[in-house]
Amino acid sequence: MKAPIIEIFSSFQGEGLLIGQRQIFVRFAGCNLNCNYCDTNDSKSEKSGKLMTPEEVSEEINEILTPDCKAISFTGGEPSLYPDFINEVSKNFNLNIMLETNGTLPDNIDLLNKLDIVSLDIKLPEHFDGDFDEEIFLNEIKSLNLLREKSINVYCKVVILPSTKIKSFKEVVEKLSENISSKSNLKIIIQPSSPLGEWKNINYKLFEFSEVVGQYFEVSTIPQIHKILDIE
């Protein structure tokens, strides 16, 4: 068994609820989507990765593991393309397992044996060039409900751009509220796109986005801290 790997590295988590925590990141190559704001374009094609076995990945993780690191984050690309591979690596470690996913492959996510926390992206129509495929949103909802039914700690992340319209954003949040099995304790992270300089003079919009989500869910607005710290 092999999978295309872009890189394996140790750093602080720069996004979401675990921000600032030391993690080992395993970045897969290959993605089933083509978001226009992607900040890891080199990971979109599986051809850009190096084929590695679970044993080779585990060995590299052990080489860079430090006492302050308590979790492995599988990211990409789209890591849920490789559920069996993730299972093989995860069983070698007594560490928390984090999945950073677009949530559009619920059947694959269901195959993952050991998940402690999931960061699930909710895509907006403007994240894509051309017409938005409604199936993307429906699969995100399916994955979200599946994870919550399994009592896995999951939160949603929504990337917003300076061009994001409040109206379209509100429509997505309302649909999310209407379609999940339970709204209780679901946390939504609003992530302003980088670079943050693009938000100069329009940062008041961030309060408006927060107010929209706050009508339905617990909400935080958190930028990409690793970009501010200038680390990977």
C-alpha atoms as a PDB file:
ATOM      1  CA  MET A   1       0.000   0.000   0.000  1.00  0.00           C
ATOM      2  CA  LYS A   2       1.337   3.418  -0.986  1.00  0.00           C
ATOM      3  CA  ALA A   3       0.015   6.968  -1.078  1.00  0.00           C
ATOM      4  CA  PRO A   4       1.383  10.215  -2.570  1.00  0.00           C
ATOM      5  CA  ILE A   5       2.861  12.374   0.178  1.00  0.00           C
ATOM      6  CA  ILE A   6       3.855  16.009  -0.293  1.00  0.00           C
ATOM      7  CA  GLU A   7       5.560  16.483   3.061  1.00  0.00           C
ATOM      8  CA  ILE A   8       5.754  15.400   6.696  1.00  0.00           C
ATOM      9  CA  PHE A   9       6.675  18.127   9.146  1.00  0.00           C
ATOM     10  CA  SER A  10       6.283  19.372  12.713  1.00  0.00           C
ATOM     11  CA  SER A  11       4.762  22.766  13.423  1.00  0.00           C
ATOM     12  CA  PHE A  12       2.095  24.622  15.373  1.00  0.00           C
ATOM     13  CA  GLN A  13      -1.481  24.166  14.245  1.00  0.00           C
ATOM     14  CA  GLY A  14      -2.309  27.452  12.548  1.00  0.00           C
ATOM     15  CA  GLU A  15      -6.039  27.064  12.030  1.00  0.00           C
ATOM     16  CA  GLY A  16      -9.197  26.235  13.944  1.00  0.00           C
ATOM     17  CA  LEU A  17      -9.816  25.068  17.493  1.00  0.00           C
ATOM     18  CA  LEU A  18      -6.363  23.586  18.150  1.00  0.00           C
ATOM     19  CA  ILE A  19      -4.514  26.689  17.092  1.00  0.00           C
ATOM     20  CA  GLY A  20      -1.042  26.980  18.623  1.00  0.00           C
ATOM     21  CA  GLN A  21      -0.726  23.282  19.501  1.00  0.00           C
ATOM     22  CA  ARG A  22       2.317  21.379  18.240  1.00  0.00           C
ATOM     23  CA  GLN A  23       1.413  18.692  15.719  1.00  0.00           C
ATOM     24  CA  ILE A  24       2.961  16.406  13.145  1.00  0.00           C
ATOM     25  CA  PHE A  25       1.454  17.175   9.750  1.00  0.00           C
ATOM     26  CA  VAL A  26       1.183  14.567   7.024  1.00  0.00           C
ATOM     27  CA  ARG A  27       0.210  16.297   3.791  1.00  0.00           C
ATOM     28  CA  PHE A  28      -1.225  14.109   1.048  1.00  0.00           C
ATOM     29  CA  ALA A  29      -1.153  14.949  -2.653  1.00  0.00           C
ATOM     30  CA  GLY A  30      -4.365  14.814  -4.624  1.00  0.00           C
ATOM     31  CA  CYS A  31      -7.719  16.518  -4.164  1.00  0.00           C
ATOM     32  CA  ASN A  32     -11.200  15.897  -5.551  1.00  0.00           C
ATOM     33  CA  LEU A  33     -11.994  19.637  -5.601  1.00  0.00           C
ATOM     34  CA  ASN A  34     -10.415  22.686  -7.213  1.00  0.00           C
ATOM     35  CA  CYS A  35     -11.038  25.624  -4.876  1.00  0.00           C
ATOM     36  CA  ASN A  36      -9.896  28.948  -6.274  1.00  0.00           C
ATOM     37  CA  TYR A  37      -8.502  30.192  -2.946  1.00  0.00           C
ATOM     38  CA  CYS A  38      -6.374  27.107  -2.193  1.00  0.00           C
ATOM     39  CA  ASP A  39      -3.105  28.003  -0.454  1.00  0.00           C
ATOM     40  CA  THR A  40      -1.540  24.591  -1.135  1.00  0.00           C
ATOM     41  CA  ASN A  41      -1.893  24.406  -4.910  1.00  0.00           C
ATOM     42  CA  ASP A  42       1.072  22.033  -5.131  1.00  0.00           C
ATOM     43  CA  SER A  43      -0.987  19.386  -3.352  1.00  0.00           C
ATOM     44  CA  LYS A  44      -3.929  19.374  -5.768  1.00  0.00           C
ATOM     45  CA  SER A  45      -2.433  16.769  -8.098  1.00  0.00           C
ATOM     46  CA  GLU A  46      -1.509  13.339  -6.785  1.00  0.00           C
ATOM     47  CA  LYS A  47       1.385  13.381  -9.240  1.00  0.00           C
ATOM     48  CA  SER A  48       3.121  16.021  -7.131  1.00  0.00           C
ATOM     49  CA  GLY A  49       3.573  13.659  -4.190  1.00  0.00           C
ATOM     50  CA  LYS A  50       6.172  11.030  -3.404  1.00  0.00           C
ATOM     51  CA  LEU A  51       4.759   7.522  -3.131  1.00  0.00           C
ATOM     52  CA  MET A  52       5.358   6.221   0.376  1.00  0.00           C
ATOM     53  CA  THR A  53       4.246   3.238   2.463  1.00  0.00           C
ATOM     54  CA  PRO A  54       2.575   3.563   5.881  1.00  0.00           C
ATOM     55  CA  GLU A  55       5.767   2.193   7.416  1.00  0.00           C
ATOM     56  CA  GLU A  56       7.889   4.878   5.756  1.00  0.00           C
ATOM     57  CA  VAL A  57       5.519   7.617   6.895  1.00  0.00           C
ATOM     58  CA  SER A  58       5.475   6.242  10.444  1.00  0.00           C
ATOM     59  CA  GLU A  59       9.267   6.160  10.494  1.00  0.00           C
ATOM     60  CA  GLU A  60       9.487   9.823   9.451  1.00  0.00           C
ATOM     61  CA  ILE A  61       6.924  10.792  12.086  1.00  0.00           C
ATOM     62  CA  ASN A  62       8.974   9.080  14.778  1.00  0.00           C
ATOM     63  CA  GLU A  63      12.099  10.902  13.645  1.00  0.00           C
ATOM     64  CA  ILE A  64      10.565  14.350  14.201  1.00  0.00           C
ATOM     65  CA  LEU A  65       8.289  13.576  17.161  1.00  0.00           C
ATOM     66  CA  THR A  66       8.899  15.859  20.164  1.00  0.00           C
ATOM     67  CA  PRO A  67       7.557  15.753  23.740  1.00  0.00           C
ATOM     68  CA  ASP A  68       5.222  18.712  23.163  1.00  0.00           C
ATOM     69  CA  CYS A  69       3.536  17.032  20.191  1.00  0.00           C
ATOM     70  CA  LYS A  70       0.341  15.161  21.052  1.00  0.00           C
ATOM     71  CA  ALA A  71      -1.375  14.843  17.671  1.00  0.00           C
ATOM     72  CA  ILE A  72      -0.954  13.872  14.044  1.00  0.00           C
ATOM     73  CA  SER A  73      -2.857  15.978  11.528  1.00  0.00           C
ATOM     74  CA  PHE A  74      -3.661  14.381   8.183  1.00  0.00           C
ATOM     75  CA  THR A  75      -4.122  17.157   5.669  1.00  0.00           C
ATOM     76  CA  GLY A  76      -3.756  17.803   1.978  1.00  0.00           C
ATOM     77  CA  GLY A  77      -4.896  17.982  -0.698  1.00  0.00           C
ATOM     78  CA  GLU A  78      -7.725  15.828   0.513  1.00  0.00           C
ATOM     79  CA  PRO A  79      -6.595  13.154   2.999  1.00  0.00           C
ATOM     80  CA  SER A  80      -9.914  11.281   3.030  1.00  0.00           C
ATOM     81  CA  LEU A  81      -8.994   9.974  -0.424  1.00  0.00           C
ATOM     82  CA  TYR A  82      -6.695   7.566   1.455  1.00  0.00           C
ATOM     83  CA  PRO A  83      -8.667   6.109   4.414  1.00  0.00           C
ATOM     84  CA  ASP A  84      -6.921   2.720   4.523  1.00  0.00           C
ATOM     85  CA  PHE A  85      -3.510   4.382   4.471  1.00  0.00           C
ATOM     86  CA  ILE A  86      -4.470   6.714   7.326  1.00  0.00           C
ATOM     87  CA  ASN A  87      -5.727   3.749   9.346  1.00  0.00           C
ATOM     88  CA  GLU A  88      -2.425   1.936   8.876  1.00  0.00           C
ATOM     89  CA  VAL A  89      -0.368   4.903  10.047  1.00  0.00           C
ATOM     90  CA  SER A  90      -2.695   5.808  12.927  1.00  0.00           C
ATOM     91  CA  LYS A  91      -2.503   2.380  14.546  1.00  0.00           C
ATOM     92  CA  ASN A  92       1.241   2.850  15.042  1.00  0.00           C
ATOM     93  CA  PHE A  93       0.843   5.806  17.398  1.00  0.00           C
ATOM     94  CA  ASN A  94      -0.744   6.579  20.728  1.00  0.00           C
ATOM     95  CA  LEU A  95      -1.418  10.136  19.620  1.00  0.00           C
ATOM     96  CA  ASN A  96      -4.580  12.058  18.858  1.00  0.00           C
ATOM     97  CA  ILE A  97      -5.552  11.841  15.207  1.00  0.00           C
ATOM     98  CA  MET A  98      -6.833  14.927  13.429  1.00  0.00           C
ATOM     99  CA  LEU A  99      -8.363  15.017   9.963  1.00  0.00           C
ATOM    100  CA  GLU A 100      -8.490  18.252   7.968  1.00  0.00           C
ATOM    101  CA  THR A 101     -11.031  17.583   5.225  1.00  0.00           C
ATOM    102  CA  ASN A 102     -13.392  19.141   2.723  1.00  0.00           C
ATOM    103  CA  GLY A 103     -15.988  16.623   3.894  1.00  0.00           C
ATOM    104  CA  THR A 104     -17.163  15.700   0.404  1.00  0.00           C
ATOM    105  CA  LEU A 105     -16.273  11.997   0.664  1.00  0.00           C
ATOM    106  CA  PRO A 106     -18.508  10.752   3.512  1.00  0.00           C
ATOM    107  CA  ASP A 107     -18.168   7.071   2.571  1.00  0.00           C
ATOM    108  CA  ASN A 108     -14.378   7.327   2.855  1.00  0.00           C
ATOM    109  CA  ILE A 109     -14.569   9.250   6.126  1.00  0.00           C
ATOM    110  CA  ASP A 110     -16.786   6.495   7.504  1.00  0.00           C
ATOM    111  CA  LEU A 111     -13.922   4.025   6.919  1.00  0.00           C
ATOM    112  CA  LEU A 112     -11.532   5.841   9.252  1.00  0.00           C
ATOM    113  CA  ASN A 113     -11.073   3.824  12.430  1.00  0.00           C
ATOM    114  CA  LYS A 114      -9.382   6.314  14.737  1.00  0.00           C
ATOM    115  CA  LEU A 115     -10.412   9.948  14.700  1.00  0.00           C
ATOM    116  CA  ASP A 116     -10.225  12.312  17.647  1.00  0.00           C
ATOM    117  CA  ILE A 117     -10.963  15.634  15.991  1.00  0.00           C
ATOM    118  CA  VAL A 118     -12.061  16.691  12.523  1.00  0.00           C
ATOM    119  CA  SER A 119     -11.836  20.111  10.898  1.00  0.00           C
ATOM    120  CA  LEU A 120     -14.479  20.052   8.169  1.00  0.00           C
ATOM    121  CA  ASP A 121     -14.604  22.796   5.561  1.00  0.00           C
ATOM    122  CA  ILE A 122     -17.915  24.211   4.437  1.00  0.00           C
ATOM    123  CA  LYS A 123     -17.477  25.443   0.883  1.00  0.00           C
ATOM    124  CA  LEU A 124     -19.160  28.550  -0.493  1.00  0.00           C
ATOM    125  CA  PRO A 125     -20.279  28.867  -4.142  1.00  0.00           C
ATOM    126  CA  GLU A 126     -17.679  31.594  -4.733  1.00  0.00           C
ATOM    127  CA  HIS A 127     -14.900  29.173  -3.804  1.00  0.00           C
ATOM    128  CA  PHE A 128     -15.229  27.715  -7.291  1.00  0.00           C
ATOM    129  CA  ASP A 129     -15.012  29.059 -10.815  1.00  0.00           C
ATOM    130  CA  GLY A 130     -18.242  28.323 -12.655  1.00  0.00           C
ATOM    131  CA  ASP A 131     -21.450  26.848 -11.285  1.00  0.00           C
ATOM    132  CA  PHE A 132     -21.513  25.440  -7.765  1.00  0.00           C
ATOM    133  CA  ASP A 133     -22.267  21.720  -7.505  1.00  0.00           C
ATOM    134  CA  GLU A 134     -24.951  21.321  -4.822  1.00  0.00           C
ATOM    135  CA  GLU A 135     -23.686  17.775  -4.236  1.00  0.00           C
ATOM    136  CA  ILE A 136     -20.620  19.273  -2.546  1.00  0.00           C
ATOM    137  CA  PHE A 137     -22.749  20.822   0.188  1.00  0.00           C
ATOM    138  CA  LEU A 138     -24.948  17.728   0.565  1.00  0.00           C
ATOM    139  CA  ASN A 139     -21.897  15.515   1.086  1.00  0.00           C
ATOM    140  CA  GLU A 140     -20.439  17.945   3.620  1.00  0.00           C
ATOM    141  CA  ILE A 141     -23.688  17.710   5.577  1.00  0.00           C
ATOM    142  CA  LYS A 142     -23.651  13.919   5.330  1.00  0.00           C
ATOM    143  CA  SER A 143     -20.085  13.781   6.656  1.00  0.00           C
ATOM    144  CA  LEU A 144     -20.871  16.226   9.453  1.00  0.00           C
ATOM    145  CA  ASN A 145     -23.909  14.268  10.623  1.00  0.00           C
ATOM    146  CA  LEU A 146     -21.977  10.996  10.377  1.00  0.00           C
ATOM    147  CA  LEU A 147     -19.148  12.271  12.568  1.00  0.00           C
ATOM    148  CA  ARG A 148     -21.503  13.746  15.146  1.00  0.00           C
ATOM    149  CA  GLU A 149     -23.459  10.489  15.338  1.00  0.00           C
ATOM    150  CA  LYS A 150     -20.169   8.759  16.133  1.00  0.00           C
ATOM    151  CA  SER A 151     -19.494  11.356  18.875  1.00  0.00           C
ATOM    152  CA  ILE A 152     -16.294  12.471  17.151  1.00  0.00           C
ATOM    153  CA  ASN A 153     -15.219  16.006  17.983  1.00  0.00           C
ATOM    154  CA  VAL A 154     -15.877  17.937  14.772  1.00  0.00           C
ATOM    155  CA  TYR A 155     -16.040  21.615  13.977  1.00  0.00           C
ATOM    156  CA  CYS A 156     -16.689  23.451  10.730  1.00  0.00           C
ATOM    157  CA  LYS A 157     -14.393  25.961   9.104  1.00  0.00           C
ATOM    158  CA  VAL A 158     -15.611  28.492   6.543  1.00  0.00           C
ATOM    159  CA  VAL A 159     -13.037  30.454   4.575  1.00  0.00           C
ATOM    160  CA  ILE A 160     -14.273  33.916   3.651  1.00  0.00           C
ATOM    161  CA  LEU A 161     -12.747  36.238   1.070  1.00  0.00           C
ATOM    162  CA  PRO A 162     -12.899  40.036   0.955  1.00  0.00           C
ATOM    163  CA  SER A 163     -15.326  39.551  -1.953  1.00  0.00           C
ATOM    164  CA  THR A 164     -17.655  37.224   0.001  1.00  0.00           C
ATOM    165  CA  LYS A 165     -21.210  38.555   0.040  1.00  0.00           C
ATOM    166  CA  ILE A 166     -23.141  38.542   3.294  1.00  0.00           C
ATOM    167  CA  LYS A 167     -26.292  37.384   1.499  1.00  0.00           C
ATOM    168  CA  SER A 168     -24.766  34.261  -0.058  1.00  0.00           C
ATOM    169  CA  PHE A 169     -22.876  33.500   3.160  1.00  0.00           C
ATOM    170  CA  LYS A 170     -26.108  33.728   5.152  1.00  0.00           C
ATOM    171  CA  GLU A 171     -27.872  31.360   2.746  1.00  0.00           C
ATOM    172  CA  VAL A 172     -25.203  28.697   3.293  1.00  0.00           C
ATOM    173  CA  VAL A 173     -25.287  29.090   7.091  1.00  0.00           C
ATOM    174  CA  GLU A 174     -29.085  28.823   7.092  1.00  0.00           C
ATOM    175  CA  LYS A 175     -28.942  25.655   4.964  1.00  0.00           C
ATOM    176  CA  LEU A 176     -26.381  24.222   7.354  1.00  0.00           C
ATOM    177  CA  SER A 177     -28.658  24.945  10.301  1.00  0.00           C
ATOM    178  CA  GLU A 178     -31.609  23.322   8.562  1.00  0.00           C
ATOM    179  CA  ASN A 179     -29.838  20.125   7.528  1.00  0.00           C
ATOM    180  CA  ILE A 180     -27.667  18.993  10.417  1.00  0.00           C
ATOM    181  CA  SER A 181     -29.068  16.481  12.874  1.00  0.00           C
ATOM    182  CA  SER A 182     -28.416  18.679  15.912  1.00  0.00           C
ATOM    183  CA  LYS A 183     -27.188  22.245  16.260  1.00  0.00           C
ATOM    184  CA  SER A 184     -26.096  21.844  19.867  1.00  0.00           C
ATOM    185  CA  ASN A 185     -22.385  22.338  20.528  1.00  0.00           C
ATOM    186  CA  LEU A 186     -21.438  22.698  16.863  1.00  0.00           C
ATOM    187  CA  LYS A 187     -18.657  25.250  16.548  1.00  0.00           C
ATOM    188  CA  ILE A 188     -18.106  27.282  13.398  1.00  0.00           C
ATOM    189  CA  ILE A 189     -14.743  28.884  12.668  1.00  0.00           C
ATOM    190  CA  ILE A 190     -14.793  31.830  10.280  1.00  0.00           C
ATOM    191  CA  GLN A 191     -11.364  32.019   8.645  1.00  0.00           C
ATOM    192  CA  PRO A 192     -10.522  35.244   6.812  1.00  0.00           C
ATOM    193  CA  SER A 193      -8.403  34.466   3.770  1.00  0.00           C
ATOM    194  CA  SER A 194      -4.723  35.354   3.730  1.00  0.00           C
ATOM    195  CA  PRO A 195      -3.000  37.728   3.289  1.00  0.00           C
ATOM    196  CA  LEU A 196      -4.772  39.723   5.975  1.00  0.00           C
ATOM    197  CA  GLY A 197      -3.670  42.957   4.326  1.00  0.00           C
ATOM    198  CA  GLU A 198      -6.492  42.405   1.842  1.00  0.00           C
ATOM    199  CA  TRP A 199      -8.936  43.055   4.691  1.00  0.00           C
ATOM    200  CA  LYS A 200      -7.580  46.521   5.403  1.00  0.00           C
ATOM    201  CA  ASN A 201     -10.395  49.108   5.434  1.00  0.00           C
ATOM    202  CA  ILE A 202     -13.088  46.405   5.190  1.00  0.00           C
ATOM    203  CA  ASN A 203     -12.402  44.487   8.413  1.00  0.00           C
ATOM    204  CA  TYR A 204     -15.790  45.692   9.702  1.00  0.00           C
ATOM    205  CA  LYS A 205     -17.285  42.968   7.483  1.00  0.00           C
ATOM    206  CA  LEU A 206     -15.837  40.327   9.811  1.00  0.00           C
ATOM    207  CA  PHE A 207     -18.275  41.404  12.524  1.00  0.00           C
ATOM    208  CA  GLU A 208     -21.178  41.010  10.111  1.00  0.00           C
ATOM    209  CA  PHE A 209     -20.173  37.460   9.200  1.00  0.00           C
ATOM    210  CA  SER A 210     -19.841  36.576  12.883  1.00  0.00           C
ATOM    211  CA  GLU A 211     -23.305  37.952  13.626  1.00  0.00           C
ATOM    212  CA  VAL A 212     -24.814  35.810  10.875  1.00  0.00           C
ATOM    213  CA  VAL A 213     -23.321  32.582  12.267  1.00  0.00           C
ATOM    214  CA  GLY A 214     -24.081  33.589  15.856  1.00  0.00           C
ATOM    215  CA  GLN A 215     -27.802  33.348  15.151  1.00  0.00           C
ATOM    216  CA  TYR A 216     -27.432  29.577  14.833  1.00  0.00           C
ATOM    217  CA  PHE A 217     -24.095  28.324  16.175  1.00  0.00           C
ATOM    218  CA  GLU A 218     -21.186  29.056  18.458  1.00  0.00           C
ATOM    219  CA  VAL A 219     -18.757  31.089  16.358  1.00  0.00           C
ATOM    220  CA  SER A 220     -15.132  32.254  16.428  1.00  0.00           C
ATOM    221  CA  THR A 221     -13.195  34.270  13.853  1.00  0.00           C
ATOM    222  CA  ILE A 222      -9.607  33.023  13.578  1.00  0.00           C
ATOM    223  CA  PRO A 223      -7.101  33.853  10.820  1.00  0.00           C
ATOM    224  CA  GLN A 224      -4.243  31.597   9.745  1.00  0.00           C
ATOM    225  CA  ILE A 225      -1.793  32.166  12.586  1.00  0.00           C
ATOM    226  CA  HIS A 226       1.050  30.261  10.921  1.00  0.00           C
ATOM    227  CA  LYS A 227       1.013  32.862   8.149  1.00  0.00           C
ATOM    228  CA  ILE A 228       1.388  35.617  10.746  1.00  0.00           C
ATOM    229  CA  LEU A 229       4.255  33.751  12.434  1.00  0.00           C
ATOM    230  CA  ASP A 230       5.797  33.028   9.021  1.00  0.00           C
ATOM    231  CA  ILE A 231       6.108  29.305   9.698  1.00  0.00           C
ATOM    232  CA  GLU A 232       4.901  26.296   7.750  1.00  0.00           C
END
